Amino acid sequence: MGGDYAAAAAEIEPDAIDRLVLLASGAYTPLNRMKGRKLFLIARDDANADGRRLPKIRAQYEKALEPKKLILLDGSAHAQFLFETAQGDRVLREIIQFLEMP
């Protein structure tokens, strides 16, 4: 739920947050005001009781202002559990690279 609260804060103060990492967030906030960089990470088959999360996150991504990047990962791991998969090192590298960008 942390990503959703961070996204809401970024929309309330669109100039206050420079970068936002959304690790399989719920995609409840459209992110059409935040001006900073946005990184969306999700496993293709991540699902909850309502079904796969990807369609809702992809819709949020499409509506979000640039600059933005969407990274789709293999599997069904959700959020922090992505770090426990074979792709965990990649997830960490992508986040660090994103945060270090000028």
PDB file of N, CA and C in Angstrom:
ATOM      1  N   MET A   1       0.815  -1.201   0.000  1.00  0.00           N
ATOM      2  CA  MET A   1       0.000   0.000   0.000  1.00  0.00           C
ATOM      3  C   MET A   1       0.858   1.264   0.000  1.00  0.00           C
ATOM      4  N   GLY A   2       2.134   1.138   0.325  1.00  0.00           N
ATOM      5  CA  GLY A   2       3.003   2.305   0.403  1.00  0.00           C
ATOM      6  C   GLY A   2       3.112   3.049  -0.911  1.00  0.00           C
ATOM      7  N   GLY A   3       3.179   2.316  -2.011  1.00  0.00           N
ATOM      8  CA  GLY A   3       3.274   2.959  -3.317  1.00  0.00           C
ATOM      9  C   GLY A   3       2.047   3.792  -3.630  1.00  0.00           C
ATOM     10  N   ASP A   4       0.897   3.314  -3.207  1.00  0.00           N
ATOM     11  CA  ASP A   4      -0.337   4.057  -3.460  1.00  0.00           C
ATOM     12  C   ASP A   4      -0.377   5.354  -2.650  1.00  0.00           C
ATOM     13  N   TYR A   5       0.099   5.303  -1.409  1.00  0.00           N
ATOM     14  CA  TYR A   5       0.144   6.528  -0.605  1.00  0.00           C
ATOM     15  C   TYR A   5       1.182   7.499  -1.157  1.00  0.00           C
ATOM     16  N   ALA A   6       2.303   6.992  -1.615  1.00  0.00           N
ATOM     17  CA  ALA A   6       3.332   7.850  -2.207  1.00  0.00           C
ATOM     18  C   ALA A   6       2.812   8.498  -3.490  1.00  0.00           C
ATOM     19  N   ALA A   7       2.087   7.736  -4.304  1.00  0.00           N
ATOM     20  CA  ALA A   7       1.516   8.287  -5.535  1.00  0.00           C
ATOM     21  C   ALA A   7       0.501   9.379  -5.218  1.00  0.00           C
ATOM     22  N   ALA A   8      -0.310   9.159  -4.213  1.00  0.00           N
ATOM     23  CA  ALA A   8      -1.297  10.174  -3.813  1.00  0.00           C
ATOM     24  C   ALA A   8      -0.592  11.442  -3.346  1.00  0.00           C
ATOM     25  N   ALA A   9       0.473  11.296  -2.573  1.00  0.00           N
ATOM     26  CA  ALA A   9       1.236  12.467  -2.120  1.00  0.00           C
ATOM     27  C   ALA A   9       1.845  13.204  -3.306  1.00  0.00           C
ATOM     28  N   ALA A  10       2.341  12.464  -4.288  1.00  0.00           N
ATOM     29  CA  ALA A  10       2.939  13.075  -5.478  1.00  0.00           C
ATOM     30  C   ALA A  10       1.911  13.845  -6.291  1.00  0.00           C
ATOM     31  N   GLU A  11       0.674  13.425  -6.270  1.00  0.00           N
ATOM     32  CA  GLU A  11      -0.376  14.140  -6.981  1.00  0.00           C
ATOM     33  C   GLU A  11      -0.827  15.389  -6.225  1.00  0.00           C
ATOM     34  N   ILE A  12      -0.795  15.324  -4.916  1.00  0.00           N
ATOM     35  CA  ILE A  12      -1.176  16.484  -4.103  1.00  0.00           C
ATOM     36  C   ILE A  12      -0.145  17.601  -4.253  1.00  0.00           C
ATOM     37  N   GLU A  13       1.137  17.221  -4.270  1.00  0.00           N
ATOM     38  CA  GLU A  13       2.247  18.179  -4.415  1.00  0.00           C
ATOM     39  C   GLU A  13       3.087  17.756  -5.620  1.00  0.00           C
ATOM     40  N   PRO A  14       2.641  18.003  -6.843  1.00  0.00           N
ATOM     41  CA  PRO A  14       3.289  17.455  -8.038  1.00  0.00           C
ATOM     42  C   PRO A  14       4.732  17.889  -8.264  1.00  0.00           C
ATOM     43  N   ASP A  15       5.158  18.978  -7.664  1.00  0.00           N
ATOM     44  CA  ASP A  15       6.541  19.429  -7.824  1.00  0.00           C
ATOM     45  C   ASP A  15       7.439  18.990  -6.674  1.00  0.00           C
ATOM     46  N   ALA A  16       6.871  18.429  -5.614  1.00  0.00           N
ATOM     47  CA  ALA A  16       7.631  18.139  -4.400  1.00  0.00           C
ATOM     48  C   ALA A  16       8.412  16.824  -4.450  1.00  0.00           C
ATOM     49  N   ILE A  17       7.974  15.887  -5.262  1.00  0.00           N
ATOM     50  CA  ILE A  17       8.623  14.571  -5.301  1.00  0.00           C
ATOM     51  C   ILE A  17       9.335  14.428  -6.636  1.00  0.00           C
ATOM     52  N   ASP A  18      10.638  14.191  -6.562  1.00  0.00           N
ATOM     53  CA  ASP A  18      11.478  14.123  -7.757  1.00  0.00           C
ATOM     54  C   ASP A  18      11.368  12.791  -8.482  1.00  0.00           C
ATOM     55  N   ARG A  19      11.257  11.692  -7.727  1.00  0.00           N
ATOM     56  CA  ARG A  19      11.202  10.344  -8.301  1.00  0.00           C
ATOM     57  C   ARG A  19      10.254   9.476  -7.481  1.00  0.00           C
ATOM     58  N   LEU A  20       9.635   8.545  -8.186  1.00  0.00           N
ATOM     59  CA  LEU A  20       8.682   7.660  -7.524  1.00  0.00           C
ATOM     60  C   LEU A  20       8.831   6.259  -8.088  1.00  0.00           C
ATOM     61  N   VAL A  21       9.089   5.286  -7.206  1.00  0.00           N
ATOM     62  CA  VAL A  21       9.168   3.881  -7.595  1.00  0.00           C
ATOM     63  C   VAL A  21       7.872   3.218  -7.155  1.00  0.00           C
ATOM     64  N   LEU A  22       7.178   2.617  -8.110  1.00  0.00           N
ATOM     65  CA  LEU A  22       5.925   1.923  -7.828  1.00  0.00           C
ATOM     66  C   LEU A  22       6.138   0.435  -8.093  1.00  0.00           C
ATOM     67  N   LEU A  23       6.310  -0.303  -7.030  1.00  0.00           N
ATOM     68  CA  LEU A  23       6.599  -1.725  -7.095  1.00  0.00           C
ATOM     69  C   LEU A  23       5.294  -2.494  -6.941  1.00  0.00           C
ATOM     70  N   ALA A  24       4.621  -2.738  -8.080  1.00  0.00           N
ATOM     71  CA  ALA A  24       3.342  -3.460  -8.100  1.00  0.00           C
ATOM     72  C   ALA A  24       2.302  -2.795  -7.207  1.00  0.00           C
ATOM     73  N   SER A  25       2.188  -1.486  -7.330  1.00  0.00           N
ATOM     74  CA  SER A  25       1.226  -0.762  -6.499  1.00  0.00           C
ATOM     75  C   SER A  25      -0.204  -1.046  -6.968  1.00  0.00           C
ATOM     76  N   GLY A  26      -1.166  -0.567  -6.209  1.00  0.00           N
ATOM     77  CA  GLY A  26      -2.568  -0.814  -6.539  1.00  0.00           C
ATOM     78  C   GLY A  26      -3.107   0.022  -7.679  1.00  0.00           C
ATOM     79  N   ALA A  27      -2.360   1.049  -8.081  1.00  0.00           N
ATOM     80  CA  ALA A  27      -2.724   1.911  -9.215  1.00  0.00           C
ATOM     81  C   ALA A  27      -4.039   2.648  -8.989  1.00  0.00           C
ATOM     82  N   TYR A  28      -4.222   3.181  -7.786  1.00  0.00           N
ATOM     83  CA  TYR A  28      -5.448   3.903  -7.470  1.00  0.00           C
ATOM     84  C   TYR A  28      -5.383   5.380  -7.840  1.00  0.00           C
ATOM     85  N   THR A  29      -4.181   5.896  -8.075  1.00  0.00           N
ATOM     86  CA  THR A  29      -3.983   7.317  -8.361  1.00  0.00           C
ATOM     87  C   THR A  29      -3.525   7.478  -9.806  1.00  0.00           C
ATOM     88  N   PRO A  30      -4.118   8.385 -10.570  1.00  0.00           N
ATOM     89  CA  PRO A  30      -3.808   8.481 -11.998  1.00  0.00           C
ATOM     90  C   PRO A  30      -2.418   9.012 -12.339  1.00  0.00           C
ATOM     91  N   LEU A  31      -1.747   9.731 -11.447  1.00  0.00           N
ATOM     92  CA  LEU A  31      -0.420  10.305 -11.695  1.00  0.00           C
ATOM     93  C   LEU A  31      -0.393  11.184 -12.945  1.00  0.00           C
ATOM     94  N   ASN A  32      -1.402  12.001 -13.090  1.00  0.00           N
ATOM     95  CA  ASN A  32      -1.438  12.913 -14.234  1.00  0.00           C
ATOM     96  C   ASN A  32      -1.058  14.341 -13.865  1.00  0.00           C
ATOM     97  N   ARG A  33      -0.522  14.528 -12.642  1.00  0.00           N
ATOM     98  CA  ARG A  33      -0.019  15.829 -12.215  1.00  0.00           C
ATOM     99  C   ARG A  33       1.450  15.793 -11.846  1.00  0.00           C
ATOM    100  N   MET A  34       1.926  14.670 -11.312  1.00  0.00           N
ATOM    101  CA  MET A  34       3.319  14.571 -10.869  1.00  0.00           C
ATOM    102  C   MET A  34       4.263  14.769 -12.040  1.00  0.00           C
ATOM    103  N   LYS A  35       5.232  15.661 -11.865  1.00  0.00           N
ATOM    104  CA  LYS A  35       6.151  15.995 -12.943  1.00  0.00           C
ATOM    105  C   LYS A  35       7.449  15.209 -12.890  1.00  0.00           C
ATOM    106  N   GLY A  36       7.784  14.612 -11.751  1.00  0.00           N
ATOM    107  CA  GLY A  36       9.039  13.881 -11.594  1.00  0.00           C
ATOM    108  C   GLY A  36       9.026  12.536 -12.298  1.00  0.00           C
ATOM    109  N   ARG A  37      10.172  11.874 -12.266  1.00  0.00           N
ATOM    110  CA  ARG A  37      10.335  10.557 -12.890  1.00  0.00           C
ATOM    111  C   ARG A  37       9.530   9.497 -12.145  1.00  0.00           C
ATOM    112  N   LYS A  38       8.993   8.558 -12.925  1.00  0.00           N
ATOM    113  CA  LYS A  38       8.205   7.474 -12.358  1.00  0.00           C
ATOM    114  C   LYS A  38       8.698   6.143 -12.906  1.00  0.00           C
ATOM    115  N   LEU A  39       8.892   5.179 -12.014  1.00  0.00           N
ATOM    116  CA  LEU A  39       9.303   3.832 -12.406  1.00  0.00           C
ATOM    117  C   LEU A  39       8.247   2.852 -11.913  1.00  0.00           C
ATOM    118  N   PHE A  40       7.652   2.131 -12.859  1.00  0.00           N
ATOM    119  CA  PHE A  40       6.636   1.116 -12.563  1.00  0.00           C
ATOM    120  C   PHE A  40       7.270  -0.254 -12.764  1.00  0.00           C
ATOM    121  N   LEU A  41       7.224  -1.098 -11.743  1.00  0.00           N
ATOM    122  CA  LEU A  41       7.734  -2.465 -11.842  1.00  0.00           C
ATOM    123  C   LEU A  41       6.627  -3.433 -11.430  1.00  0.00           C
ATOM    124  N   ILE A  42       6.434  -4.478 -12.245  1.00  0.00           N
ATOM    125  CA  ILE A  42       5.410  -5.477 -11.917  1.00  0.00           C
ATOM    126  C   ILE A  42       5.702  -6.784 -12.641  1.00  0.00           C
ATOM    127  N   ALA A  43       5.370  -7.883 -11.983  1.00  0.00           N
ATOM    128  CA  ALA A  43       5.437  -9.199 -12.628  1.00  0.00           C
ATOM    129  C   ALA A  43       4.176  -9.380 -13.470  1.00  0.00           C
ATOM    130  N   ARG A  44       4.336  -9.912 -14.651  1.00  0.00           N
ATOM    131  CA  ARG A  44       3.214 -10.055 -15.598  1.00  0.00           C
ATOM    132  C   ARG A  44       1.994 -10.759 -15.006  1.00  0.00           C
ATOM    133  N   ASP A  45       2.227 -11.778 -14.200  1.00  0.00           N
ATOM    134  CA  ASP A  45       1.119 -12.582 -13.686  1.00  0.00           C
ATOM    135  C   ASP A  45       0.777 -12.284 -12.227  1.00  0.00           C
ATOM    136  N   ASP A  46       1.248 -11.165 -11.703  1.00  0.00           N
ATOM    137  CA  ASP A  46       0.899 -10.739 -10.341  1.00  0.00           C
ATOM    138  C   ASP A  46      -0.615 -10.560 -10.288  1.00  0.00           C
ATOM    139  N   ALA A  47      -1.262 -11.175  -9.303  1.00  0.00           N
ATOM    140  CA  ALA A  47      -2.724 -11.119  -9.219  1.00  0.00           C
ATOM    141  C   ALA A  47      -3.183 -10.988  -7.777  1.00  0.00           C
ATOM    142  N   ASN A  48      -4.398 -10.484  -7.622  1.00  0.00           N
ATOM    143  CA  ASN A  48      -5.061 -10.457  -6.327  1.00  0.00           C
ATOM    144  C   ASN A  48      -6.454 -11.064  -6.516  1.00  0.00           C
ATOM    145  N   ALA A  49      -7.331 -10.889  -5.551  1.00  0.00           N
ATOM    146  CA  ALA A  49      -8.667 -11.482  -5.631  1.00  0.00           C
ATOM    147  C   ALA A  49      -9.461 -10.957  -6.828  1.00  0.00           C
ATOM    148  N   ASP A  50      -9.117  -9.764  -7.306  1.00  0.00           N
ATOM    149  CA  ASP A  50      -9.823  -9.171  -8.446  1.00  0.00           C
ATOM    150  C   ASP A  50      -9.234  -9.587  -9.793  1.00  0.00           C
ATOM    151  N   GLY A  51      -8.156 -10.331  -9.768  1.00  0.00           N
ATOM    152  CA  GLY A  51      -7.507 -10.751 -11.006  1.00  0.00           C
ATOM    153  C   GLY A  51      -6.117 -10.155 -11.150  1.00  0.00           C
ATOM    154  N   ARG A  52      -5.601 -10.190 -12.343  1.00  0.00           N
ATOM    155  CA  ARG A  52      -4.248  -9.676 -12.596  1.00  0.00           C
ATOM    156  C   ARG A  52      -4.174  -8.173 -12.370  1.00  0.00           C
ATOM    157  N   ARG A  53      -3.051  -7.755 -11.796  1.00  0.00           N
ATOM    158  CA  ARG A  53      -2.837  -6.338 -11.512  1.00  0.00           C
ATOM    159  C   ARG A  53      -2.365  -5.563 -12.743  1.00  0.00           C
ATOM    160  N   LEU A  54      -1.762  -6.252 -13.701  1.00  0.00           N
ATOM    161  CA  LEU A  54      -1.131  -5.579 -14.835  1.00  0.00           C
ATOM    162  C   LEU A  54      -2.065  -4.658 -15.621  1.00  0.00           C
ATOM    163  N   PRO A  55      -3.289  -5.047 -15.954  1.00  0.00           N
ATOM    164  CA  PRO A  55      -4.134  -4.119 -16.731  1.00  0.00           C
ATOM    165  C   PRO A  55      -4.354  -2.775 -16.037  1.00  0.00           C
ATOM    166  N   LYS A  56      -4.587  -2.803 -14.744  1.00  0.00           N
ATOM    167  CA  LYS A  56      -4.815  -1.557 -14.009  1.00  0.00           C
ATOM    168  C   LYS A  56      -3.529  -0.728 -13.931  1.00  0.00           C
ATOM    169  N   ILE A  57      -2.393  -1.392 -13.711  1.00  0.00           N
ATOM    170  CA  ILE A  57      -1.119  -0.682 -13.640  1.00  0.00           C
ATOM    171  C   ILE A  57      -0.739  -0.131 -15.014  1.00  0.00           C
ATOM    172  N   ARG A  58      -0.992  -0.894 -16.056  1.00  0.00           N
ATOM    173  CA  ARG A  58      -0.698  -0.404 -17.411  1.00  0.00           C
ATOM    174  C   ARG A  58      -1.566   0.835 -17.722  1.00  0.00           C
ATOM    175  N   ALA A  59      -2.806   0.827 -17.308  1.00  0.00           N
ATOM    176  CA  ALA A  59      -3.676   1.987 -17.523  1.00  0.00           C
ATOM    177  C   ALA A  59      -3.157   3.196 -16.746  1.00  0.00           C
ATOM    178  N   GLN A  60      -2.718   2.972 -15.520  1.00  0.00           N
ATOM    179  CA  GLN A  60      -2.136   4.059 -14.729  1.00  0.00           C
ATOM    180  C   GLN A  60      -0.887   4.596 -15.418  1.00  0.00           C
ATOM    181  N   TYR A  61      -0.055   3.701 -15.904  1.00  0.00           N
ATOM    182  CA  TYR A  61       1.170   4.089 -16.611  1.00  0.00           C
ATOM    183  C   TYR A  61       0.839   4.931 -17.846  1.00  0.00           C
ATOM    184  N   GLU A  62      -0.123   4.508 -18.626  1.00  0.00           N
ATOM    185  CA  GLU A  62      -0.484   5.226 -19.850  1.00  0.00           C
ATOM    186  C   GLU A  62      -0.952   6.653 -19.550  1.00  0.00           C
ATOM    187  N   LYS A  63      -1.633   6.848 -18.434  1.00  0.00           N
ATOM    188  CA  LYS A  63      -2.145   8.169 -18.074  1.00  0.00           C
ATOM    189  C   LYS A  63      -1.093   9.055 -17.405  1.00  0.00           C
ATOM    190  N   ALA A  64      -0.035   8.450 -16.878  1.00  0.00           N
ATOM    191  CA  ALA A  64       0.990   9.198 -16.148  1.00  0.00           C
ATOM    192  C   ALA A  64       1.780  10.103 -17.090  1.00  0.00           C
ATOM    193  N   LEU A  65       2.171  11.245 -16.576  1.00  0.00           N
ATOM    194  CA  LEU A  65       3.010  12.170 -17.335  1.00  0.00           C
ATOM    195  C   LEU A  65       4.407  11.594 -17.518  1.00  0.00           C
ATOM    196  N   GLU A  66       5.073  11.989 -18.581  1.00  0.00           N
ATOM    197  CA  GLU A  66       6.490  11.691 -18.761  1.00  0.00           C
ATOM    198  C   GLU A  66       7.274  12.545 -17.767  1.00  0.00           C
ATOM    199  N   PRO A  67       8.454  12.137 -17.368  1.00  0.00           N
ATOM    200  CA  PRO A  67       9.168  10.916 -17.719  1.00  0.00           C
ATOM    201  C   PRO A  67       8.667   9.730 -16.897  1.00  0.00           C
ATOM    202  N   LYS A  68       8.627   8.575 -17.560  1.00  0.00           N
ATOM    203  CA  LYS A  68       8.137   7.360 -16.913  1.00  0.00           C
ATOM    204  C   LYS A  68       8.750   6.146 -17.598  1.00  0.00           C
ATOM    205  N   LYS A  69       8.794   5.039 -16.868  1.00  0.00           N
ATOM    206  CA  LYS A  69       9.311   3.785 -17.416  1.00  0.00           C
ATOM    207  C   LYS A  69       8.531   2.647 -16.779  1.00  0.00           C
ATOM    208  N   LEU A  70       8.156   1.661 -17.602  1.00  0.00           N
ATOM    209  CA  LEU A  70       7.447   0.473 -17.138  1.00  0.00           C
ATOM    210  C   LEU A  70       8.337  -0.732 -17.379  1.00  0.00           C
ATOM    211  N   ILE A  71       8.557  -1.522 -16.332  1.00  0.00           N
ATOM    212  CA  ILE A  71       9.347  -2.745 -16.453  1.00  0.00           C
ATOM    213  C   ILE A  71       8.451  -3.920 -16.085  1.00  0.00           C
ATOM    214  N   LEU A  72       8.258  -4.814 -17.048  1.00  0.00           N
ATOM    215  CA  LEU A  72       7.469  -6.025 -16.833  1.00  0.00           C
ATOM    216  C   LEU A  72       8.426  -7.178 -16.579  1.00  0.00           C
ATOM    217  N   LEU A  73       8.181  -7.892 -15.510  1.00  0.00           N
ATOM    218  CA  LEU A  73       9.026  -9.011 -15.115  1.00  0.00           C
ATOM    219  C   LEU A  73       8.273 -10.318 -15.286  1.00  0.00           C
ATOM    220  N   ASP A  74       8.998 -11.390 -15.442  1.00  0.00           N
ATOM    221  CA  ASP A  74       8.378 -12.712 -15.548  1.00  0.00           C
ATOM    222  C   ASP A  74       7.863 -13.156 -14.184  1.00  0.00           C
ATOM    223  N   GLY A  75       6.850 -13.998 -14.198  1.00  0.00           N
ATOM    224  CA  GLY A  75       6.365 -14.608 -12.975  1.00  0.00           C
ATOM    225  C   GLY A  75       5.157 -13.931 -12.380  1.00  0.00           C
ATOM    226  N   SER A  76       4.901 -14.282 -11.103  1.00  0.00           N
ATOM    227  CA  SER A  76       3.702 -13.791 -10.427  1.00  0.00           C
ATOM    228  C   SER A  76       4.003 -13.176  -9.064  1.00  0.00           C
ATOM    229  N   ALA A  77       5.268 -13.001  -8.727  1.00  0.00           N
ATOM    230  CA  ALA A  77       5.628 -12.452  -7.414  1.00  0.00           C
ATOM    231  C   ALA A  77       5.088 -11.027  -7.283  1.00  0.00           C
ATOM    232  N   HIS A  78       4.667 -10.700  -6.081  1.00  0.00           N
ATOM    233  CA  HIS A  78       4.094  -9.379  -5.825  1.00  0.00           C
ATOM    234  C   HIS A  78       5.052  -8.526  -4.997  1.00  0.00           C
ATOM    235  N   ALA A  79       5.236  -7.294  -5.447  1.00  0.00           N
ATOM    236  CA  ALA A  79       5.945  -6.237  -4.714  1.00  0.00           C
ATOM    237  C   ALA A  79       7.285  -6.725  -4.152  1.00  0.00           C
ATOM    238  N   GLN A  80       7.475  -6.633  -2.835  1.00  0.00           N
ATOM    239  CA  GLN A  80       8.768  -6.968  -2.226  1.00  0.00           C
ATOM    240  C   GLN A  80       9.184  -8.414  -2.464  1.00  0.00           C
ATOM    241  N   PHE A  81       8.250  -9.280  -2.803  1.00  0.00           N
ATOM    242  CA  PHE A  81       8.592 -10.677  -3.061  1.00  0.00           C
ATOM    243  C   PHE A  81       9.333 -10.845  -4.384  1.00  0.00           C
ATOM    244  N   LEU A  82       9.312  -9.822  -5.225  1.00  0.00           N
ATOM    245  CA  LEU A  82      10.117  -9.853  -6.456  1.00  0.00           C
ATOM    246  C   LEU A  82      11.603  -9.988  -6.131  1.00  0.00           C
ATOM    247  N   PHE A  83      12.023  -9.446  -4.994  1.00  0.00           N
ATOM    248  CA  PHE A  83      13.432  -9.531  -4.601  1.00  0.00           C
ATOM    249  C   PHE A  83      13.849 -10.964  -4.260  1.00  0.00           C
ATOM    250  N   GLU A  84      12.897 -11.827  -3.980  1.00  0.00           N
ATOM    251  CA  GLU A  84      13.180 -13.215  -3.622  1.00  0.00           C
ATOM    252  C   GLU A  84      13.186 -14.138  -4.833  1.00  0.00           C
ATOM    253  N   THR A  85      12.941 -13.596  -6.017  1.00  0.00           N
ATOM    254  CA  THR A  85      12.910 -14.408  -7.226  1.00  0.00           C
ATOM    255  C   THR A  85      14.257 -14.352  -7.932  1.00  0.00           C
ATOM    256  N   ALA A  86      14.374 -15.108  -9.011  1.00  0.00           N
ATOM    257  CA  ALA A  86      15.596 -15.083  -9.823  1.00  0.00           C
ATOM    258  C   ALA A  86      15.826 -13.707 -10.437  1.00  0.00           C
ATOM    259  N   GLN A  87      14.794 -12.881 -10.475  1.00  0.00           N
ATOM    260  CA  GLN A  87      14.902 -11.527 -11.028  1.00  0.00           C
ATOM    261  C   GLN A  87      15.197 -10.471  -9.967  1.00  0.00           C
ATOM    262  N   GLY A  88      15.394 -10.913  -8.730  1.00  0.00           N
ATOM    263  CA  GLY A  88      15.624  -9.978  -7.634  1.00  0.00           C
ATOM    264  C   GLY A  88      16.786  -9.036  -7.868  1.00  0.00           C
ATOM    265  N   ASP A  89      17.898  -9.564  -8.387  1.00  0.00           N
ATOM    266  CA  ASP A  89      19.052  -8.707  -8.653  1.00  0.00           C
ATOM    267  C   ASP A  89      18.721  -7.657  -9.709  1.00  0.00           C
ATOM    268  N   ARG A  90      17.980  -8.057 -10.729  1.00  0.00           N
ATOM    269  CA  ARG A  90      17.592  -7.096 -11.767  1.00  0.00           C
ATOM    270  C   ARG A  90      16.701  -6.008 -11.192  1.00  0.00           C
ATOM    271  N   VAL A  91      15.738  -6.384 -10.364  1.00  0.00           N
ATOM    272  CA  VAL A  91      14.835  -5.403  -9.763  1.00  0.00           C
ATOM    273  C   VAL A  91      15.650  -4.368  -8.991  1.00  0.00           C
ATOM    274  N   LEU A  92      16.579  -4.848  -8.183  1.00  0.00           N
ATOM    275  CA  LEU A  92      17.415  -3.942  -7.403  1.00  0.00           C
ATOM    276  C   LEU A  92      18.253  -3.045  -8.305  1.00  0.00           C
ATOM    277  N   ARG A  93      18.864  -3.600  -9.343  1.00  0.00           N
ATOM    278  CA  ARG A  93      19.662  -2.800 -10.277  1.00  0.00           C
ATOM    279  C   ARG A  93      18.818  -1.733 -10.966  1.00  0.00           C
ATOM    280  N   GLU A  94      17.614  -2.106 -11.400  1.00  0.00           N
ATOM    281  CA  GLU A  94      16.733  -1.150 -12.081  1.00  0.00           C
ATOM    282  C   GLU A  94      16.362   0.012 -11.149  1.00  0.00           C
ATOM    283  N   ILE A  95      16.067  -0.306  -9.906  1.00  0.00           N
ATOM    284  CA  ILE A  95      15.697   0.740  -8.947  1.00  0.00           C
ATOM    285  C   ILE A  95      16.887   1.646  -8.668  1.00  0.00           C
ATOM    286  N   ILE A  96      18.054   1.074  -8.430  1.00  0.00           N
ATOM    287  CA  ILE A  96      19.238   1.878  -8.153  1.00  0.00           C
ATOM    288  C   ILE A  96      19.583   2.755  -9.354  1.00  0.00           C
ATOM    289  N   GLN A  97      19.548   2.189 -10.545  1.00  0.00           N
ATOM    290  CA  GLN A  97      19.822   2.963 -11.754  1.00  0.00           C
ATOM    291  C   GLN A  97      18.843   4.124 -11.888  1.00  0.00           C
ATOM    292  N   PHE A  98      17.585   3.850 -11.641  1.00  0.00           N
ATOM    293  CA  PHE A  98      16.551   4.875 -11.725  1.00  0.00           C
ATOM    294  C   PHE A  98      16.813   6.003 -10.722  1.00  0.00           C
ATOM    295  N   LEU A  99      17.174   5.639  -9.497  1.00  0.00           N
ATOM    296  CA  LEU A  99      17.401   6.640  -8.463  1.00  0.00           C
ATOM    297  C   LEU A  99      18.673   7.448  -8.698  1.00  0.00           C
ATOM    298  N   GLU A 100      19.642   6.857  -9.403  1.00  0.00           N
ATOM    299  CA  GLU A 100      20.909   7.551  -9.663  1.00  0.00           C
ATOM    300  C   GLU A 100      20.884   8.408 -10.931  1.00  0.00           C
ATOM    301  N   MET A 101      19.841   8.305 -11.718  1.00  0.00           N
ATOM    302  CA  MET A 101      19.754   9.092 -12.958  1.00  0.00           C
ATOM    303  C   MET A 101      19.833  10.576 -12.644  1.00  0.00           C
ATOM    304  N   PRO A 102      20.552  11.323 -13.517  1.00  0.00           N
ATOM    305  CA  PRO A 102      20.634  12.786 -13.283  1.00  0.00           C
ATOM    306  C   PRO A 102      19.302  13.471 -13.537  1.00  0.00           C
TER     307      PRO A 102
END
